[in-house]
């Protein structure tokens, strides 16, 4: 693991950074909006990405969105991220289409 998804922070740090209670954070976890990693001692460990998500949940709630709307928002966001392709895959698709068009026009 590396970058923003590496679990680093205990609950107390996350509470300070987000101004959320432990109860609220666990509530979001219980509602499948968050899935922190666990330490060997079974303590929750949060990543920068988890903190970003908590802040986004907090912002959406402050704007008046319901939990069901927020769940759908994150589910849709997850589906979109699963459909992304890498730069290498995009270049291969473009190259293959270019070759196909080039050959169809008789320009080999």
C-alpha atoms as a PDB file:
ATOM      1  CA  UNK A   1       0.000   0.000   0.000  1.00  0.00           C
ATOM      2  CA  UNK A   2       1.087   3.505  -0.626  1.00  0.00           C
ATOM      3  CA  UNK A   3      -0.165   7.018  -0.905  1.00  0.00           C
ATOM      4  CA  UNK A   4      -3.515   8.184   0.333  1.00  0.00           C
ATOM      5  CA  UNK A   5      -4.925   4.696   0.942  1.00  0.00           C
ATOM      6  CA  UNK A   6      -2.306   3.593   3.473  1.00  0.00           C
ATOM      7  CA  UNK A   7      -3.883   3.297   6.932  1.00  0.00           C
ATOM      8  CA  UNK A   8      -1.971   5.473   9.362  1.00  0.00           C
ATOM      9  CA  UNK A   9      -4.263   7.181  11.824  1.00  0.00           C
ATOM     10  CA  UNK A  10      -6.082   5.962  14.935  1.00  0.00           C
ATOM     11  CA  UNK A  11      -9.657   7.000  15.689  1.00  0.00           C
ATOM     12  CA  UNK A  12      -8.546   9.805  18.055  1.00  0.00           C
ATOM     13  CA  UNK A  13      -6.557  11.539  15.319  1.00  0.00           C
ATOM     14  CA  UNK A  14      -9.407  11.203  12.843  1.00  0.00           C
ATOM     15  CA  UNK A  15     -11.822  12.674  15.376  1.00  0.00           C
ATOM     16  CA  UNK A  16      -9.564  15.712  15.780  1.00  0.00           C
ATOM     17  CA  UNK A  17      -9.066  16.167  12.040  1.00  0.00           C
ATOM     18  CA  UNK A  18     -12.747  15.849  11.113  1.00  0.00           C
ATOM     19  CA  UNK A  19     -14.448  17.215  14.237  1.00  0.00           C
ATOM     20  CA  UNK A  20     -16.645  14.088  14.256  1.00  0.00           C
ATOM     21  CA  UNK A  21     -17.382  11.877  17.243  1.00  0.00           C
ATOM     22  CA  UNK A  22     -16.286   8.246  17.373  1.00  0.00           C
ATOM     23  CA  UNK A  23     -19.959   7.302  17.375  1.00  0.00           C
ATOM     24  CA  UNK A  24     -20.603   9.162  14.095  1.00  0.00           C
ATOM     25  CA  UNK A  25     -17.513   7.660  12.466  1.00  0.00           C
ATOM     26  CA  UNK A  26     -18.574   4.133  13.497  1.00  0.00           C
ATOM     27  CA  UNK A  27     -22.107   4.920  12.243  1.00  0.00           C
ATOM     28  CA  UNK A  28     -20.735   5.739   8.796  1.00  0.00           C
ATOM     29  CA  UNK A  29     -18.731   2.513   8.900  1.00  0.00           C
ATOM     30  CA  UNK A  30     -21.858   0.554   9.918  1.00  0.00           C
ATOM     31  CA  UNK A  31     -23.631   2.093   6.915  1.00  0.00           C
ATOM     32  CA  UNK A  32     -20.864   0.912   4.569  1.00  0.00           C
ATOM     33  CA  UNK A  33     -19.682   4.420   3.757  1.00  0.00           C
ATOM     34  CA  UNK A  34     -16.262   3.722   5.212  1.00  0.00           C
ATOM     35  CA  UNK A  35     -14.122   0.606   5.667  1.00  0.00           C
ATOM     36  CA  UNK A  36     -11.051   1.357   7.785  1.00  0.00           C
ATOM     37  CA  UNK A  37      -8.307  -1.210   8.055  1.00  0.00           C
ATOM     38  CA  UNK A  38      -7.625  -2.929  11.364  1.00  0.00           C
ATOM     39  CA  UNK A  39      -4.367  -3.186  13.288  1.00  0.00           C
ATOM     40  CA  UNK A  40      -3.093  -6.470  14.694  1.00  0.00           C
ATOM     41  CA  UNK A  41      -4.805  -5.456  17.930  1.00  0.00           C
ATOM     42  CA  UNK A  42      -8.088  -4.927  15.980  1.00  0.00           C
ATOM     43  CA  UNK A  43      -7.987  -1.122  16.337  1.00  0.00           C
ATOM     44  CA  UNK A  44      -9.312   0.907  13.428  1.00  0.00           C
ATOM     45  CA  UNK A  45      -6.664   2.613  11.303  1.00  0.00           C
ATOM     46  CA  UNK A  46      -7.649   5.315   8.854  1.00  0.00           C
ATOM     47  CA  UNK A  47      -5.973   6.597   5.705  1.00  0.00           C
ATOM     48  CA  UNK A  48      -5.911  10.071   4.195  1.00  0.00           C
ATOM     49  CA  UNK A  49      -8.561   8.801   1.753  1.00  0.00           C
ATOM     50  CA  UNK A  50     -10.764   7.748   4.695  1.00  0.00           C
ATOM     51  CA  UNK A  51     -10.407  11.209   6.244  1.00  0.00           C
ATOM     52  CA  UNK A  52     -11.264  12.833   2.900  1.00  0.00           C
ATOM     53  CA  UNK A  53     -14.361  10.648   2.648  1.00  0.00           C
ATOM     54  CA  UNK A  54     -15.462  11.532   6.180  1.00  0.00           C
ATOM     55  CA  UNK A  55     -15.093  15.226   5.413  1.00  0.00           C
ATOM     56  CA  UNK A  56     -17.081  14.762   2.208  1.00  0.00           C
ATOM     57  CA  UNK A  57     -19.843  12.927   4.110  1.00  0.00           C
ATOM     58  CA  UNK A  58     -19.897  15.703   6.690  1.00  0.00           C
ATOM     59  CA  UNK A  59     -20.155  18.361   3.958  1.00  0.00           C
ATOM     60  CA  UNK A  60     -22.975  16.520   2.180  1.00  0.00           C
ATOM     61  CA  UNK A  61     -24.912  16.162   5.436  1.00  0.00           C
ATOM     62  CA  UNK A  62     -24.443  19.876   6.159  1.00  0.00           C
ATOM     63  CA  UNK A  63     -25.900  20.628   2.723  1.00  0.00           C
ATOM     64  CA  UNK A  64     -28.995  18.670   3.718  1.00  0.00           C
ATOM     65  CA  UNK A  65     -28.495  15.401   1.863  1.00  0.00           C
ATOM     66  CA  UNK A  66     -29.922  12.282   3.509  1.00  0.00           C
ATOM     67  CA  UNK A  67     -27.903   9.187   4.315  1.00  0.00           C
ATOM     68  CA  UNK A  68     -29.669   7.225   1.563  1.00  0.00           C
ATOM     69  CA  UNK A  69     -28.717   9.870  -1.023  1.00  0.00           C
ATOM     70  CA  UNK A  70     -25.135   9.921   0.270  1.00  0.00           C
ATOM     71  CA  UNK A  71     -24.916   6.112   0.057  1.00  0.00           C
ATOM     72  CA  UNK A  72     -26.134   6.236  -3.540  1.00  0.00           C
ATOM     73  CA  UNK A  73     -23.684   9.032  -4.334  1.00  0.00           C
ATOM     74  CA  UNK A  74     -20.725   6.980  -3.099  1.00  0.00           C
ATOM     75  CA  UNK A  75     -22.002   3.787  -4.766  1.00  0.00           C
ATOM     76  CA  UNK A  76     -22.254   5.633  -8.089  1.00  0.00           C
ATOM     77  CA  UNK A  77     -18.824   7.159  -7.565  1.00  0.00           C
ATOM     78  CA  UNK A  78     -17.377   3.688  -6.908  1.00  0.00           C
ATOM     79  CA  UNK A  79     -18.962   2.295 -10.079  1.00  0.00           C
ATOM     80  CA  UNK A  80     -17.460   5.124 -12.123  1.00  0.00           C
ATOM     81  CA  UNK A  81     -13.999   4.553 -10.699  1.00  0.00           C
ATOM     82  CA  UNK A  82     -14.171   0.867 -11.623  1.00  0.00           C
ATOM     83  CA  UNK A  83     -14.679   1.792 -15.273  1.00  0.00           C
ATOM     84  CA  UNK A  84     -11.515   3.859 -15.543  1.00  0.00           C
ATOM     85  CA  UNK A  85      -8.706   2.564 -17.692  1.00  0.00           C
ATOM     86  CA  UNK A  86      -5.007   3.196 -17.406  1.00  0.00           C
ATOM     87  CA  UNK A  87      -3.060   5.441 -19.761  1.00  0.00           C
ATOM     88  CA  UNK A  88      -1.385   2.365 -21.231  1.00  0.00           C
ATOM     89  CA  UNK A  89      -4.782   0.754 -21.928  1.00  0.00           C
ATOM     90  CA  UNK A  90      -6.065   3.960 -23.529  1.00  0.00           C
ATOM     91  CA  UNK A  91      -2.971   4.204 -25.752  1.00  0.00           C
ATOM     92  CA  UNK A  92      -3.389   0.553 -26.828  1.00  0.00           C
ATOM     93  CA  UNK A  93      -7.061   1.110 -27.702  1.00  0.00           C
ATOM     94  CA  UNK A  94      -6.189   4.268 -29.647  1.00  0.00           C
ATOM     95  CA  UNK A  95      -3.284   2.531 -31.436  1.00  0.00           C
ATOM     96  CA  UNK A  96      -5.459  -0.476 -32.371  1.00  0.00           C
ATOM     97  CA  UNK A  97      -8.259   1.774 -33.678  1.00  0.00           C
ATOM     98  CA  UNK A  98      -5.755   3.892 -35.580  1.00  0.00           C
ATOM     99  CA  UNK A  99      -4.224   0.794 -37.216  1.00  0.00           C
ATOM    100  CA  UNK A 100      -7.668  -0.543 -38.087  1.00  0.00           C
ATOM    101  CA  UNK A 101      -8.743   2.769 -39.675  1.00  0.00           C
ATOM    102  CA  UNK A 102      -5.393   3.099 -41.431  1.00  0.00           C
ATOM    103  CA  UNK A 103      -5.669  -0.408 -42.909  1.00  0.00           C
ATOM    104  CA  UNK A 104      -9.325   0.063 -43.917  1.00  0.00           C
ATOM    105  CA  UNK A 105      -8.394   3.099 -45.969  1.00  0.00           C
ATOM    106  CA  UNK A 106      -5.761   1.096 -47.804  1.00  0.00           C
ATOM    107  CA  UNK A 107      -2.854   3.135 -46.526  1.00  0.00           C
ATOM    108  CA  UNK A 108      -0.561   0.310 -45.469  1.00  0.00           C
END
